[in-house]
Amino acid sequence: MNKNNQILIYQSKDGKISVETLVKEKTVWLTQDQIAVLFGKAKSTINEHIKNIYFEEEQLESTTLQKFGISEFQQKSPNFYNLDMIISVGYRVKSQQGIQFRKWATERLKEYLLQGFSLNEEKLKSGKSTEYFDKLQEKLREIRLSERLFYQKIKDIYTTSIDYNPKDDTTISFFTAVQNKLLWAISQKTAAELVHSRVDIDKPFLGMTSCDKKSEKHITQKDVSIVKNYLNEKEMKVLGLLVEQYLAFAETMAEAQTPMKMTDWIERLDLILQMNGKEILTHYGKITHDLAVSKSTQEYEKFKANQKIQEKTESLQELENDLKILSLKNKL
């Protein structure tokens, strides 16, 4: 087997398993002997699983089995099974290595469902080619064409980081920091400071300037806590220009096949903000999130109380008008 066609498909946490595979026709292929090594089971056990998989029509022999060239030391060409079969066997074997494989496969599936692709960071570091950067460019184009709010688009970019972990608590904190950096650049206020300073019962729509509600009657408590609802037209325009530059930079990195970590992305964001003459946020702001939510809630409760008074007044006025009309009709 040519060494150029060999890659490491899987390695257990203790580092003991290292199975080289044949890459052909956009998939990987293992013999029964190699699958047995991979899962730490006897070849006869693997053979039994494969027979059952074909019998139950979970996989088709015509699409998962092939014979490749024989060497001078082989009497006949061995059967090679592709990744579909390897995964099917992996979910049936009972061994510690099988458990590790299932955990690995499940994580890759979660990555794909959450991010749209699964990334092998070690392969990127080693310089081996993958389809990652093609998929990254596609994802960046989708982000650019999407109607998501500008700083949410930047959050989408960060999910393409090679070290992105959606379950990590620091990821949420990281996204909050990114949002605050952008908002500070365009308004000199963090998200909490924007809500706290701009929510006002004495102003139309409680101070919200980009709320998509057609009438004040439809305003909800959630609306008054969303920071983007308080951005004015100029701030939205500047935010859009900054994000467009950032997306263009991201596509350039993808084109150059430069893998990016989350810290790399935020460093580049700081550079873009500096290039545009914007101040970089270096603190947490003077207003906490809880304080901003508390004030917006209080203002909203006042707003709803005023609405009830207004609705009662309008109802009484409407009743009075109806009585006047009825009185006139009786006189006639």
C-alpha atoms as a PDB file:
ATOM      1  CA  MET A   1       0.000   0.000   0.000  1.00  0.00           C
ATOM      2  CA  ASN A   2       1.403   3.398  -0.990  1.00  0.00           C
ATOM      3  CA  LYS A   3       2.302   5.498   2.068  1.00  0.00           C
ATOM      4  CA  ASN A   4       0.842   8.562   0.387  1.00  0.00           C
ATOM      5  CA  ASN A   5      -2.551   6.901   0.612  1.00  0.00           C
ATOM      6  CA  GLN A   6      -2.284   6.089   4.328  1.00  0.00           C
ATOM      7  CA  ILE A   7      -3.770   8.203   7.107  1.00  0.00           C
ATOM      8  CA  LEU A   8      -4.596   7.749  10.766  1.00  0.00           C
ATOM      9  CA  ILE A   9      -8.354   7.239  10.977  1.00  0.00           C
ATOM     10  CA  TYR A  10      -8.662   6.837  14.733  1.00  0.00           C
ATOM     11  CA  GLN A  11      -6.574   6.703  17.847  1.00  0.00           C
ATOM     12  CA  SER A  12      -7.696   5.794  21.366  1.00  0.00           C
ATOM     13  CA  LYS A  13      -7.047   8.172  24.263  1.00  0.00           C
ATOM     14  CA  ASP A  14      -4.174   6.032  25.547  1.00  0.00           C
ATOM     15  CA  GLY A  15      -2.487   6.418  22.144  1.00  0.00           C
ATOM     16  CA  LYS A  16      -2.064   2.668  21.621  1.00  0.00           C
ATOM     17  CA  ILE A  17      -4.156   2.241  18.465  1.00  0.00           C
ATOM     18  CA  SER A  18      -2.879   3.517  15.150  1.00  0.00           C
ATOM     19  CA  VAL A  19      -4.563   2.084  12.067  1.00  0.00           C
ATOM     20  CA  GLU A  20      -3.448   3.122   8.607  1.00  0.00           C
ATOM     21  CA  THR A  21      -6.219   3.202   5.998  1.00  0.00           C
ATOM     22  CA  LEU A  22      -6.501   3.271   2.257  1.00  0.00           C
ATOM     23  CA  VAL A  23      -8.051   6.478   0.926  1.00  0.00           C
ATOM     24  CA  LYS A  24      -9.894   5.916  -2.305  1.00  0.00           C
ATOM     25  CA  GLU A  25     -13.089   7.204  -3.908  1.00  0.00           C
ATOM     26  CA  LYS A  26     -13.564   9.888  -1.226  1.00  0.00           C
ATOM     27  CA  THR A  27     -13.754   7.407   1.647  1.00  0.00           C
ATOM     28  CA  VAL A  28     -11.433   5.192   3.699  1.00  0.00           C
ATOM     29  CA  TRP A  29     -11.069   1.428   3.545  1.00  0.00           C
ATOM     30  CA  LEU A  30      -9.998  -1.177   6.121  1.00  0.00           C
ATOM     31  CA  THR A  31      -9.579  -4.925   5.945  1.00  0.00           C
ATOM     32  CA  GLN A  32     -11.185  -7.197   8.543  1.00  0.00           C
ATOM     33  CA  ASP A  33      -7.782  -7.547  10.200  1.00  0.00           C
ATOM     34  CA  GLN A  34      -7.482  -3.768  10.528  1.00  0.00           C
ATOM     35  CA  ILE A  35     -11.050  -3.396  11.829  1.00  0.00           C
ATOM     36  CA  ALA A  36     -10.260  -6.081  14.413  1.00  0.00           C
ATOM     37  CA  VAL A  37      -7.206  -4.065  15.548  1.00  0.00           C
ATOM     38  CA  LEU A  38      -9.245  -0.862  15.595  1.00  0.00           C
ATOM     39  CA  PHE A  39     -11.890  -2.266  17.943  1.00  0.00           C
ATOM     40  CA  GLY A  40      -9.743  -4.732  19.881  1.00  0.00           C
ATOM     41  CA  LYS A  41     -11.788  -7.792  18.872  1.00  0.00           C
ATOM     42  CA  ALA A  42     -11.039 -11.081  17.129  1.00  0.00           C
ATOM     43  CA  LYS A  43     -11.298 -11.155  13.353  1.00  0.00           C
ATOM     44  CA  SER A  44     -13.997 -13.854  13.631  1.00  0.00           C
ATOM     45  CA  THR A  45     -16.136 -11.465  15.730  1.00  0.00           C
ATOM     46  CA  ILE A  46     -15.741  -8.702  13.148  1.00  0.00           C
ATOM     47  CA  ASN A  47     -16.626 -11.134  10.367  1.00  0.00           C
ATOM     48  CA  GLU A  48     -19.806 -12.138  12.240  1.00  0.00           C
ATOM     49  CA  HIS A  49     -20.846  -8.490  12.680  1.00  0.00           C
ATOM     50  CA  ILE A  50     -20.298  -7.792   8.979  1.00  0.00           C
ATOM     51  CA  LYS A  51     -22.409 -10.815   7.996  1.00  0.00           C
ATOM     52  CA  ASN A  52     -25.248  -9.622  10.259  1.00  0.00           C
ATOM     53  CA  ILE A  53     -25.035  -6.081   8.894  1.00  0.00           C
ATOM     54  CA  TYR A  54     -25.426  -7.384   5.347  1.00  0.00           C
ATOM     55  CA  PHE A  55     -28.174  -9.835   6.378  1.00  0.00           C
ATOM     56  CA  GLU A  56     -30.164  -7.053   8.065  1.00  0.00           C
ATOM     57  CA  GLU A  57     -29.518  -4.795   5.039  1.00  0.00           C
ATOM     58  CA  GLU A  58     -28.107  -2.053   7.237  1.00  0.00           C
ATOM     59  CA  GLN A  59     -25.393  -1.735   4.568  1.00  0.00           C
ATOM     60  CA  LEU A  60     -25.118  -3.086   1.039  1.00  0.00           C
ATOM     61  CA  GLU A  61     -22.196  -5.255  -0.006  1.00  0.00           C
ATOM     62  CA  SER A  62     -22.139  -3.619  -3.435  1.00  0.00           C
ATOM     63  CA  THR A  63     -21.370  -0.189  -1.978  1.00  0.00           C
ATOM     64  CA  THR A  64     -19.266  -1.015   1.099  1.00  0.00           C
ATOM     65  CA  LEU A  65     -16.941  -3.821  -0.026  1.00  0.00           C
ATOM     66  CA  GLN A  66     -14.130  -3.723  -2.576  1.00  0.00           C
ATOM     67  CA  LYS A  67     -11.011  -5.670  -3.464  1.00  0.00           C
ATOM     68  CA  PHE A  68      -7.861  -3.744  -4.266  1.00  0.00           C
ATOM     69  CA  GLY A  69      -4.565  -4.856  -5.793  1.00  0.00           C
ATOM     70  CA  ILE A  70      -2.683  -7.852  -4.360  1.00  0.00           C
ATOM     71  CA  SER A  71       0.976  -7.915  -3.384  1.00  0.00           C
ATOM     72  CA  GLU A  72       3.539 -10.604  -4.122  1.00  0.00           C
ATOM     73  CA  PHE A  73       3.055 -11.917  -0.583  1.00  0.00           C
ATOM     74  CA  GLN A  74      -0.709 -12.389  -0.894  1.00  0.00           C
ATOM     75  CA  GLN A  75      -2.492 -15.351  -2.441  1.00  0.00           C
ATOM     76  CA  LYS A  76      -5.634 -13.303  -3.034  1.00  0.00           C
ATOM     77  CA  SER A  77      -6.819  -9.759  -2.631  1.00  0.00           C
ATOM     78  CA  PRO A  78      -8.344  -9.115   0.825  1.00  0.00           C
ATOM     79  CA  ASN A  79     -11.754  -7.553   1.267  1.00  0.00           C
ATOM     80  CA  PHE A  80     -11.713  -3.840   2.076  1.00  0.00           C
ATOM     81  CA  TYR A  81     -14.690  -2.232   3.834  1.00  0.00           C
ATOM     82  CA  ASN A  82     -15.442   1.479   3.615  1.00  0.00           C
ATOM     83  CA  LEU A  83     -16.187   4.004   6.351  1.00  0.00           C
ATOM     84  CA  ASP A  84     -19.935   3.260   6.336  1.00  0.00           C
ATOM     85  CA  MET A  85     -19.247  -0.355   7.271  1.00  0.00           C
ATOM     86  CA  ILE A  86     -16.553   0.610   9.791  1.00  0.00           C
ATOM     87  CA  ILE A  87     -19.025   2.858  11.594  1.00  0.00           C
ATOM     88  CA  SER A  88     -21.757   0.205  11.521  1.00  0.00           C
ATOM     89  CA  VAL A  89     -19.388  -2.332  13.074  1.00  0.00           C
ATOM     90  CA  GLY A  90     -18.226   0.278  15.584  1.00  0.00           C
ATOM     91  CA  TYR A  91     -21.751   0.646  16.946  1.00  0.00           C
ATOM     92  CA  ARG A  92     -22.067  -3.116  17.459  1.00  0.00           C
ATOM     93  CA  VAL A  93     -18.806  -4.267  19.014  1.00  0.00           C
ATOM     94  CA  LYS A  94     -18.564  -4.612  22.786  1.00  0.00           C
ATOM     95  CA  SER A  95     -15.102  -3.496  23.835  1.00  0.00           C
ATOM     96  CA  GLN A  96     -13.449  -0.531  25.513  1.00  0.00           C
ATOM     97  CA  GLN A  97     -12.040   0.554  22.168  1.00  0.00           C
ATOM     98  CA  GLY A  98     -15.496   0.262  20.661  1.00  0.00           C
ATOM     99  CA  ILE A  99     -16.847   2.547  23.391  1.00  0.00           C
ATOM    100  CA  GLN A 100     -14.097   5.085  22.670  1.00  0.00           C
ATOM    101  CA  PHE A 101     -14.873   4.892  18.962  1.00  0.00           C
ATOM    102  CA  ARG A 102     -18.589   5.491  19.544  1.00  0.00           C
ATOM    103  CA  LYS A 103     -17.823   8.509  21.723  1.00  0.00           C
ATOM    104  CA  TRP A 104     -15.524   9.842  19.010  1.00  0.00           C
ATOM    105  CA  ALA A 105     -18.086   9.220  16.249  1.00  0.00           C
ATOM    106  CA  THR A 106     -20.903  10.798  18.287  1.00  0.00           C
ATOM    107  CA  GLU A 107     -18.827  13.935  18.896  1.00  0.00           C
ATOM    108  CA  ARG A 108     -18.067  14.225  15.180  1.00  0.00           C
ATOM    109  CA  LEU A 109     -21.802  13.910  14.439  1.00  0.00           C
ATOM    110  CA  LYS A 110     -22.600  16.632  16.985  1.00  0.00           C
ATOM    111  CA  GLU A 111     -19.970  18.890  15.404  1.00  0.00           C
ATOM    112  CA  TYR A 112     -21.501  18.342  11.993  1.00  0.00           C
ATOM    113  CA  LEU A 113     -25.052  19.027  13.179  1.00  0.00           C
ATOM    114  CA  LEU A 114     -24.046  22.183  15.058  1.00  0.00           C
ATOM    115  CA  GLN A 115     -21.470  23.604  12.659  1.00  0.00           C
ATOM    116  CA  GLY A 116     -22.331  22.074   9.309  1.00  0.00           C
ATOM    117  CA  PHE A 117     -18.964  20.312   9.144  1.00  0.00           C
ATOM    118  CA  SER A 118     -16.577  18.258  11.246  1.00  0.00           C
ATOM    119  CA  LEU A 119     -12.962  19.316  11.582  1.00  0.00           C
ATOM    120  CA  ASN A 120      -9.806  17.302  12.244  1.00  0.00           C
ATOM    121  CA  GLU A 121      -7.521  19.860  13.902  1.00  0.00           C
ATOM    122  CA  GLU A 122      -4.482  17.578  13.968  1.00  0.00           C
ATOM    123  CA  LYS A 123      -4.791  16.959  10.240  1.00  0.00           C
ATOM    124  CA  LEU A 124      -4.851  20.717   9.630  1.00  0.00           C
ATOM    125  CA  LYS A 125      -1.751  21.183  11.758  1.00  0.00           C
ATOM    126  CA  SER A 126       0.057  18.493   9.812  1.00  0.00           C
ATOM    127  CA  GLY A 127      -0.720  20.276   6.537  1.00  0.00           C
ATOM    128  CA  LYS A 128      -2.734  17.435   5.025  1.00  0.00           C
ATOM    129  CA  SER A 129      -5.497  18.467   2.649  1.00  0.00           C
ATOM    130  CA  THR A 130      -9.128  18.393   3.744  1.00  0.00           C
ATOM    131  CA  GLU A 131     -12.416  19.736   2.475  1.00  0.00           C
ATOM    132  CA  TYR A 132     -12.599  21.980   5.520  1.00  0.00           C
ATOM    133  CA  PHE A 133     -11.603  25.212   3.790  1.00  0.00           C
ATOM    134  CA  ASP A 134     -14.034  24.669   0.911  1.00  0.00           C
ATOM    135  CA  LYS A 135     -16.831  24.188   3.427  1.00  0.00           C
ATOM    136  CA  LEU A 136     -15.593  27.192   5.398  1.00  0.00           C
ATOM    137  CA  GLN A 137     -15.834  29.431   2.337  1.00  0.00           C
ATOM    138  CA  GLU A 138     -19.349  28.169   1.655  1.00  0.00           C
ATOM    139  CA  LYS A 139     -20.319  28.883   5.245  1.00  0.00           C
ATOM    140  CA  LEU A 140     -18.849  32.401   5.103  1.00  0.00           C
ATOM    141  CA  ARG A 141     -20.829  33.164   1.948  1.00  0.00           C
ATOM    142  CA  GLU A 142     -23.992  31.947   3.676  1.00  0.00           C
ATOM    143  CA  ILE A 143     -23.217  34.212   6.630  1.00  0.00           C
ATOM    144  CA  ARG A 144     -22.687  37.181   4.327  1.00  0.00           C
ATOM    145  CA  LEU A 145     -26.022  36.628   2.578  1.00  0.00           C
ATOM    146  CA  SER A 146     -27.959  35.921   5.752  1.00  0.00           C
ATOM    147  CA  GLU A 147     -30.322  38.433   7.335  1.00  0.00           C
ATOM    148  CA  ARG A 148     -28.965  37.912  10.828  1.00  0.00           C
ATOM    149  CA  LEU A 149     -27.980  40.953  12.838  1.00  0.00           C
ATOM    150  CA  PHE A 150     -24.437  42.121  12.151  1.00  0.00           C
ATOM    151  CA  TYR A 151     -22.771  41.108  15.414  1.00  0.00           C
ATOM    152  CA  GLN A 152     -24.579  37.763  15.229  1.00  0.00           C
ATOM    153  CA  LYS A 153     -22.866  37.190  11.884  1.00  0.00           C
ATOM    154  CA  ILE A 154     -19.524  37.636  13.597  1.00  0.00           C
ATOM    155  CA  LYS A 155     -20.580  35.078  16.180  1.00  0.00           C
ATOM    156  CA  ASP A 156     -21.277  32.723  13.270  1.00  0.00           C
ATOM    157  CA  ILE A 157     -17.722  33.266  12.044  1.00  0.00           C
ATOM    158  CA  TYR A 158     -16.349  32.214  15.428  1.00  0.00           C
ATOM    159  CA  THR A 159     -18.157  28.866  15.211  1.00  0.00           C
ATOM    160  CA  THR A 160     -15.779  27.972  12.364  1.00  0.00           C
ATOM    161  CA  SER A 161     -12.789  28.160  14.734  1.00  0.00           C
ATOM    162  CA  ILE A 162     -10.788  24.944  14.946  1.00  0.00           C
ATOM    163  CA  ASP A 163     -11.077  25.008  18.750  1.00  0.00           C
ATOM    164  CA  TYR A 164     -14.776  25.960  18.908  1.00  0.00           C
ATOM    165  CA  ASN A 165     -16.668  24.058  21.597  1.00  0.00           C
ATOM    166  CA  PRO A 166     -20.356  25.023  21.986  1.00  0.00           C
ATOM    167  CA  LYS A 167     -20.590  23.250  25.355  1.00  0.00           C
ATOM    168  CA  ASP A 168     -17.738  25.206  26.920  1.00  0.00           C
ATOM    169  CA  ASP A 169     -18.895  27.949  29.306  1.00  0.00           C
ATOM    170  CA  THR A 170     -16.027  30.149  28.161  1.00  0.00           C
ATOM    171  CA  THR A 171     -17.491  30.152  24.638  1.00  0.00           C
ATOM    172  CA  ILE A 172     -20.598  31.994  25.858  1.00  0.00           C
ATOM    173  CA  SER A 173     -18.425  34.510  27.727  1.00  0.00           C
ATOM    174  CA  PHE A 174     -16.299  34.869  24.607  1.00  0.00           C
ATOM    175  CA  PHE A 175     -19.329  35.717  22.452  1.00  0.00           C
ATOM    176  CA  THR A 176     -20.490  38.264  25.019  1.00  0.00           C
ATOM    177  CA  ALA A 177     -17.081  39.917  24.838  1.00  0.00           C
ATOM    178  CA  VAL A 178     -17.261  40.052  21.030  1.00  0.00           C
ATOM    179  CA  GLN A 179     -20.699  41.670  21.104  1.00  0.00           C
ATOM    180  CA  ASN A 180     -19.538  44.255  23.627  1.00  0.00           C
ATOM    181  CA  LYS A 181     -16.431  45.057  21.579  1.00  0.00           C
ATOM    182  CA  LEU A 182     -18.567  45.860  18.544  1.00  0.00           C
ATOM    183  CA  LEU A 183     -21.178  47.833  20.457  1.00  0.00           C
ATOM    184  CA  TRP A 184     -18.505  49.826  22.266  1.00  0.00           C
ATOM    185  CA  ALA A 185     -16.832  50.647  18.945  1.00  0.00           C
ATOM    186  CA  ILE A 186     -20.004  52.192  17.535  1.00  0.00           C
ATOM    187  CA  SER A 187     -21.570  53.717  20.663  1.00  0.00           C
ATOM    188  CA  GLN A 188     -18.968  53.876  23.463  1.00  0.00           C
ATOM    189  CA  LYS A 189     -21.298  51.676  25.503  1.00  0.00           C
ATOM    190  CA  THR A 190     -21.474  47.972  26.316  1.00  0.00           C
ATOM    191  CA  ALA A 191     -24.694  46.009  25.733  1.00  0.00           C
ATOM    192  CA  ALA A 192     -25.816  46.478  29.343  1.00  0.00           C
ATOM    193  CA  GLU A 193     -24.973  50.192  29.276  1.00  0.00           C
ATOM    194  CA  LEU A 194     -26.909  50.698  26.046  1.00  0.00           C
ATOM    195  CA  VAL A 195     -30.091  49.128  27.402  1.00  0.00           C
ATOM    196  CA  HIS A 196     -29.779  50.817  30.791  1.00  0.00           C
ATOM    197  CA  SER A 197     -29.175  54.290  29.346  1.00  0.00           C
ATOM    198  CA  ARG A 198     -31.724  54.203  26.528  1.00  0.00           C
ATOM    199  CA  VAL A 199     -34.792  52.397  27.867  1.00  0.00           C
ATOM    200  CA  ASP A 200     -37.203  55.183  28.791  1.00  0.00           C
ATOM    201  CA  ILE A 201     -40.962  55.040  29.353  1.00  0.00           C
ATOM    202  CA  ASP A 202     -41.274  58.723  28.394  1.00  0.00           C
ATOM    203  CA  LYS A 203     -40.004  58.066  24.852  1.00  0.00           C
ATOM    204  CA  PRO A 204     -41.849  56.421  21.925  1.00  0.00           C
ATOM    205  CA  PHE A 205     -41.398  52.641  21.957  1.00  0.00           C
ATOM    206  CA  LEU A 206     -39.640  53.010  25.353  1.00  0.00           C
ATOM    207  CA  GLY A 207     -36.601  54.474  23.626  1.00  0.00           C
ATOM    208  CA  MET A 208     -36.207  51.656  21.100  1.00  0.00           C
ATOM    209  CA  THR A 209     -35.220  52.976  17.670  1.00  0.00           C
ATOM    210  CA  SER A 210     -34.875  49.794  15.601  1.00  0.00           C
ATOM    211  CA  CYS A 211     -37.633  47.654  17.061  1.00  0.00           C
ATOM    212  CA  ASP A 212     -39.580  45.845  14.336  1.00  0.00           C
ATOM    213  CA  LYS A 213     -42.947  46.103  16.151  1.00  0.00           C
ATOM    214  CA  LYS A 214     -45.550  48.047  14.152  1.00  0.00           C
ATOM    215  CA  SER A 215     -47.373  49.300  17.237  1.00  0.00           C
ATOM    216  CA  GLU A 216     -46.484  49.997  20.859  1.00  0.00           C
ATOM    217  CA  LYS A 217     -49.311  47.638  21.819  1.00  0.00           C
ATOM    218  CA  HIS A 218     -47.259  44.710  20.513  1.00  0.00           C
ATOM    219  CA  ILE A 219     -44.118  45.455  22.555  1.00  0.00           C
ATOM    220  CA  THR A 220     -43.116  42.576  24.840  1.00  0.00           C
ATOM    221  CA  GLN A 221     -40.855  42.423  27.876  1.00  0.00           C
ATOM    222  CA  LYS A 222     -38.304  40.530  25.799  1.00  0.00           C
ATOM    223  CA  ASP A 223     -38.167  43.386  23.267  1.00  0.00           C
ATOM    224  CA  VAL A 224     -37.021  45.928  25.853  1.00  0.00           C
ATOM    225  CA  SER A 225     -34.107  43.719  26.940  1.00  0.00           C
ATOM    226  CA  ILE A 226     -32.658  43.210  23.430  1.00  0.00           C
ATOM    227  CA  VAL A 227     -29.779  45.599  22.825  1.00  0.00           C
ATOM    228  CA  LYS A 228     -30.103  45.817  19.025  1.00  0.00           C
ATOM    229  CA  ASN A 229     -33.533  47.428  19.447  1.00  0.00           C
ATOM    230  CA  TYR A 230     -31.826  50.543  20.851  1.00  0.00           C
ATOM    231  CA  LEU A 231     -29.316  51.060  18.024  1.00  0.00           C
ATOM    232  CA  ASN A 232     -29.987  54.080  15.824  1.00  0.00           C
ATOM    233  CA  GLU A 233     -29.669  54.209  12.037  1.00  0.00           C
ATOM    234  CA  LYS A 234     -26.116  55.581  12.036  1.00  0.00           C
ATOM    235  CA  GLU A 235     -24.891  52.974  14.504  1.00  0.00           C
ATOM    236  CA  MET A 236     -26.436  50.174  12.460  1.00  0.00           C
ATOM    237  CA  LYS A 237     -24.731  51.482   9.310  1.00  0.00           C
ATOM    238  CA  VAL A 238     -21.269  51.667  10.917  1.00  0.00           C
ATOM    239  CA  LEU A 239     -21.753  48.220  12.429  1.00  0.00           C
ATOM    240  CA  GLY A 240     -22.602  46.848   8.995  1.00  0.00           C
ATOM    241  CA  LEU A 241     -19.456  48.347   7.448  1.00  0.00           C
ATOM    242  CA  LEU A 242     -17.220  46.872  10.163  1.00  0.00           C
ATOM    243  CA  VAL A 243     -18.735  43.428   9.829  1.00  0.00           C
ATOM    244  CA  GLU A 244     -18.430  43.504   6.037  1.00  0.00           C
ATOM    245  CA  GLN A 245     -14.698  44.151   6.403  1.00  0.00           C
ATOM    246  CA  TYR A 246     -14.446  41.315   8.882  1.00  0.00           C
ATOM    247  CA  LEU A 247     -16.253  38.895   6.575  1.00  0.00           C
ATOM    248  CA  ALA A 248     -13.949  39.858   3.704  1.00  0.00           C
ATOM    249  CA  PHE A 249     -10.939  39.152   5.925  1.00  0.00           C
ATOM    250  CA  ALA A 250     -12.423  35.795   6.974  1.00  0.00           C
ATOM    251  CA  GLU A 251     -12.871  34.753   3.341  1.00  0.00           C
ATOM    252  CA  THR A 252      -9.266  35.742   2.648  1.00  0.00           C
ATOM    253  CA  MET A 253      -8.099  33.471   5.485  1.00  0.00           C
ATOM    254  CA  ALA A 254     -10.217  30.642   4.110  1.00  0.00           C
ATOM    255  CA  GLU A 255      -8.829  31.168   0.614  1.00  0.00           C
ATOM    256  CA  ALA A 256      -5.283  31.066   2.009  1.00  0.00           C
ATOM    257  CA  GLN A 257      -6.210  27.907   3.978  1.00  0.00           C
ATOM    258  CA  THR A 258      -5.198  29.480   7.275  1.00  0.00           C
ATOM    259  CA  PRO A 259      -6.798  27.662  10.241  1.00  0.00           C
ATOM    260  CA  MET A 260      -8.104  30.116  12.848  1.00  0.00           C
ATOM    261  CA  LYS A 261      -8.644  29.697  16.568  1.00  0.00           C
ATOM    262  CA  MET A 262     -11.105  31.785  18.552  1.00  0.00           C
ATOM    263  CA  THR A 263      -8.336  33.935  19.993  1.00  0.00           C
ATOM    264  CA  ASP A 264      -7.001  34.528  16.472  1.00  0.00           C
ATOM    265  CA  TRP A 265     -10.392  35.805  15.328  1.00  0.00           C
ATOM    266  CA  ILE A 266     -10.749  38.229  18.218  1.00  0.00           C
ATOM    267  CA  GLU A 267      -7.213  39.577  17.675  1.00  0.00           C
ATOM    268  CA  ARG A 268      -8.092  40.263  14.027  1.00  0.00           C
ATOM    269  CA  LEU A 269     -11.318  41.942  15.115  1.00  0.00           C
ATOM    270  CA  ASP A 270      -9.313  44.311  17.318  1.00  0.00           C
ATOM    271  CA  LEU A 271      -7.042  45.125  14.360  1.00  0.00           C
ATOM    272  CA  ILE A 272      -9.997  45.919  12.106  1.00  0.00           C
ATOM    273  CA  LEU A 273     -11.542  48.142  14.767  1.00  0.00           C
ATOM    274  CA  GLN A 274      -8.227  49.955  15.226  1.00  0.00           C
ATOM    275  CA  MET A 275      -7.845  50.440  11.457  1.00  0.00           C
ATOM    276  CA  ASN A 276     -11.227  52.162  11.477  1.00  0.00           C
ATOM    277  CA  GLY A 277     -10.183  54.477  14.302  1.00  0.00           C
ATOM    278  CA  LYS A 278     -12.414  52.793  16.851  1.00  0.00           C
ATOM    279  CA  GLU A 279     -11.572  52.485  20.529  1.00  0.00           C
ATOM    280  CA  ILE A 280     -10.962  48.948  21.777  1.00  0.00           C
ATOM    281  CA  LEU A 281     -13.013  47.901  24.803  1.00  0.00           C
ATOM    282  CA  THR A 282     -10.671  46.896  27.633  1.00  0.00           C
ATOM    283  CA  HIS A 283     -13.099  46.664  30.573  1.00  0.00           C
ATOM    284  CA  TYR A 284     -16.469  45.167  31.491  1.00  0.00           C
ATOM    285  CA  GLY A 285     -18.430  48.423  31.598  1.00  0.00           C
ATOM    286  CA  LYS A 286     -20.008  50.215  34.546  1.00  0.00           C
ATOM    287  CA  ILE A 287     -23.427  48.552  34.272  1.00  0.00           C
ATOM    288  CA  THR A 288     -23.989  44.843  34.843  1.00  0.00           C
ATOM    289  CA  HIS A 289     -26.325  42.700  32.775  1.00  0.00           C
ATOM    290  CA  ASP A 290     -28.594  42.131  35.791  1.00  0.00           C
ATOM    291  CA  LEU A 291     -28.859  45.880  36.420  1.00  0.00           C
ATOM    292  CA  ALA A 292     -29.802  46.523  32.785  1.00  0.00           C
ATOM    293  CA  VAL A 293     -32.441  43.781  32.855  1.00  0.00           C
ATOM    294  CA  SER A 294     -33.813  45.125  36.128  1.00  0.00           C
ATOM    295  CA  LYS A 295     -34.248  48.644  34.750  1.00  0.00           C
ATOM    296  CA  SER A 296     -35.759  47.503  31.431  1.00  0.00           C
ATOM    297  CA  THR A 297     -38.199  45.298  33.381  1.00  0.00           C
ATOM    298  CA  GLN A 298     -39.227  48.181  35.639  1.00  0.00           C
ATOM    299  CA  GLU A 299     -39.758  50.497  32.673  1.00  0.00           C
ATOM    300  CA  TYR A 300     -41.763  47.828  30.887  1.00  0.00           C
ATOM    301  CA  GLU A 301     -43.984  47.280  33.945  1.00  0.00           C
ATOM    302  CA  LYS A 302     -44.659  51.029  34.106  1.00  0.00           C
ATOM    303  CA  PHE A 303     -45.419  50.949  30.391  1.00  0.00           C
ATOM    304  CA  LYS A 304     -47.915  48.092  30.794  1.00  0.00           C
ATOM    305  CA  ALA A 305     -49.551  49.829  33.765  1.00  0.00           C
ATOM    306  CA  ASN A 306     -49.953  52.995  31.695  1.00  0.00           C
ATOM    307  CA  GLN A 307     -51.349  50.928  28.845  1.00  0.00           C
ATOM    308  CA  LYS A 308     -54.012  49.445  31.123  1.00  0.00           C
ATOM    309  CA  ILE A 309     -54.985  52.918  32.350  1.00  0.00           C
ATOM    310  CA  GLN A 310     -55.130  54.157  28.763  1.00  0.00           C
ATOM    311  CA  GLU A 311     -57.198  51.156  27.638  1.00  0.00           C
ATOM    312  CA  LYS A 312     -59.602  51.692  30.546  1.00  0.00           C
ATOM    313  CA  THR A 313     -59.913  55.389  29.707  1.00  0.00           C
ATOM    314  CA  GLU A 314     -60.543  54.574  26.035  1.00  0.00           C
ATOM    315  CA  SER A 315     -63.155  51.977  27.006  1.00  0.00           C
ATOM    316  CA  LEU A 316     -64.960  54.458  29.252  1.00  0.00           C
ATOM    317  CA  GLN A 317     -64.816  57.093  26.520  1.00  0.00           C
ATOM    318  CA  GLU A 318     -66.181  54.613  23.999  1.00  0.00           C
ATOM    319  CA  LEU A 319     -68.991  53.665  26.411  1.00  0.00           C
ATOM    320  CA  GLU A 320     -69.803  57.332  26.997  1.00  0.00           C
ATOM    321  CA  ASN A 321     -69.965  57.961  23.253  1.00  0.00           C
ATOM    322  CA  ASP A 322     -72.277  54.953  22.793  1.00  0.00           C
ATOM    323  CA  LEU A 323     -74.594  56.258  25.544  1.00  0.00           C
ATOM    324  CA  LYS A 324     -74.732  59.697  23.912  1.00  0.00           C
ATOM    325  CA  ILE A 325     -75.664  58.144  20.568  1.00  0.00           C
ATOM    326  CA  LEU A 326     -78.306  55.994  22.240  1.00  0.00           C
ATOM    327  CA  SER A 327     -79.707  59.036  24.064  1.00  0.00           C
ATOM    328  CA  LEU A 328     -79.989  61.013  20.824  1.00  0.00           C
ATOM    329  CA  LYS A 329     -81.787  58.142  19.131  1.00  0.00           C
ATOM    330  CA  ASN A 330     -84.320  57.965  22.009  1.00  0.00           C
ATOM    331  CA  LYS A 331     -85.018  61.672  21.718  1.00  0.00           C
ATOM    332  CA  LEU A 332     -85.758  61.270  18.024  1.00  0.00           C
END
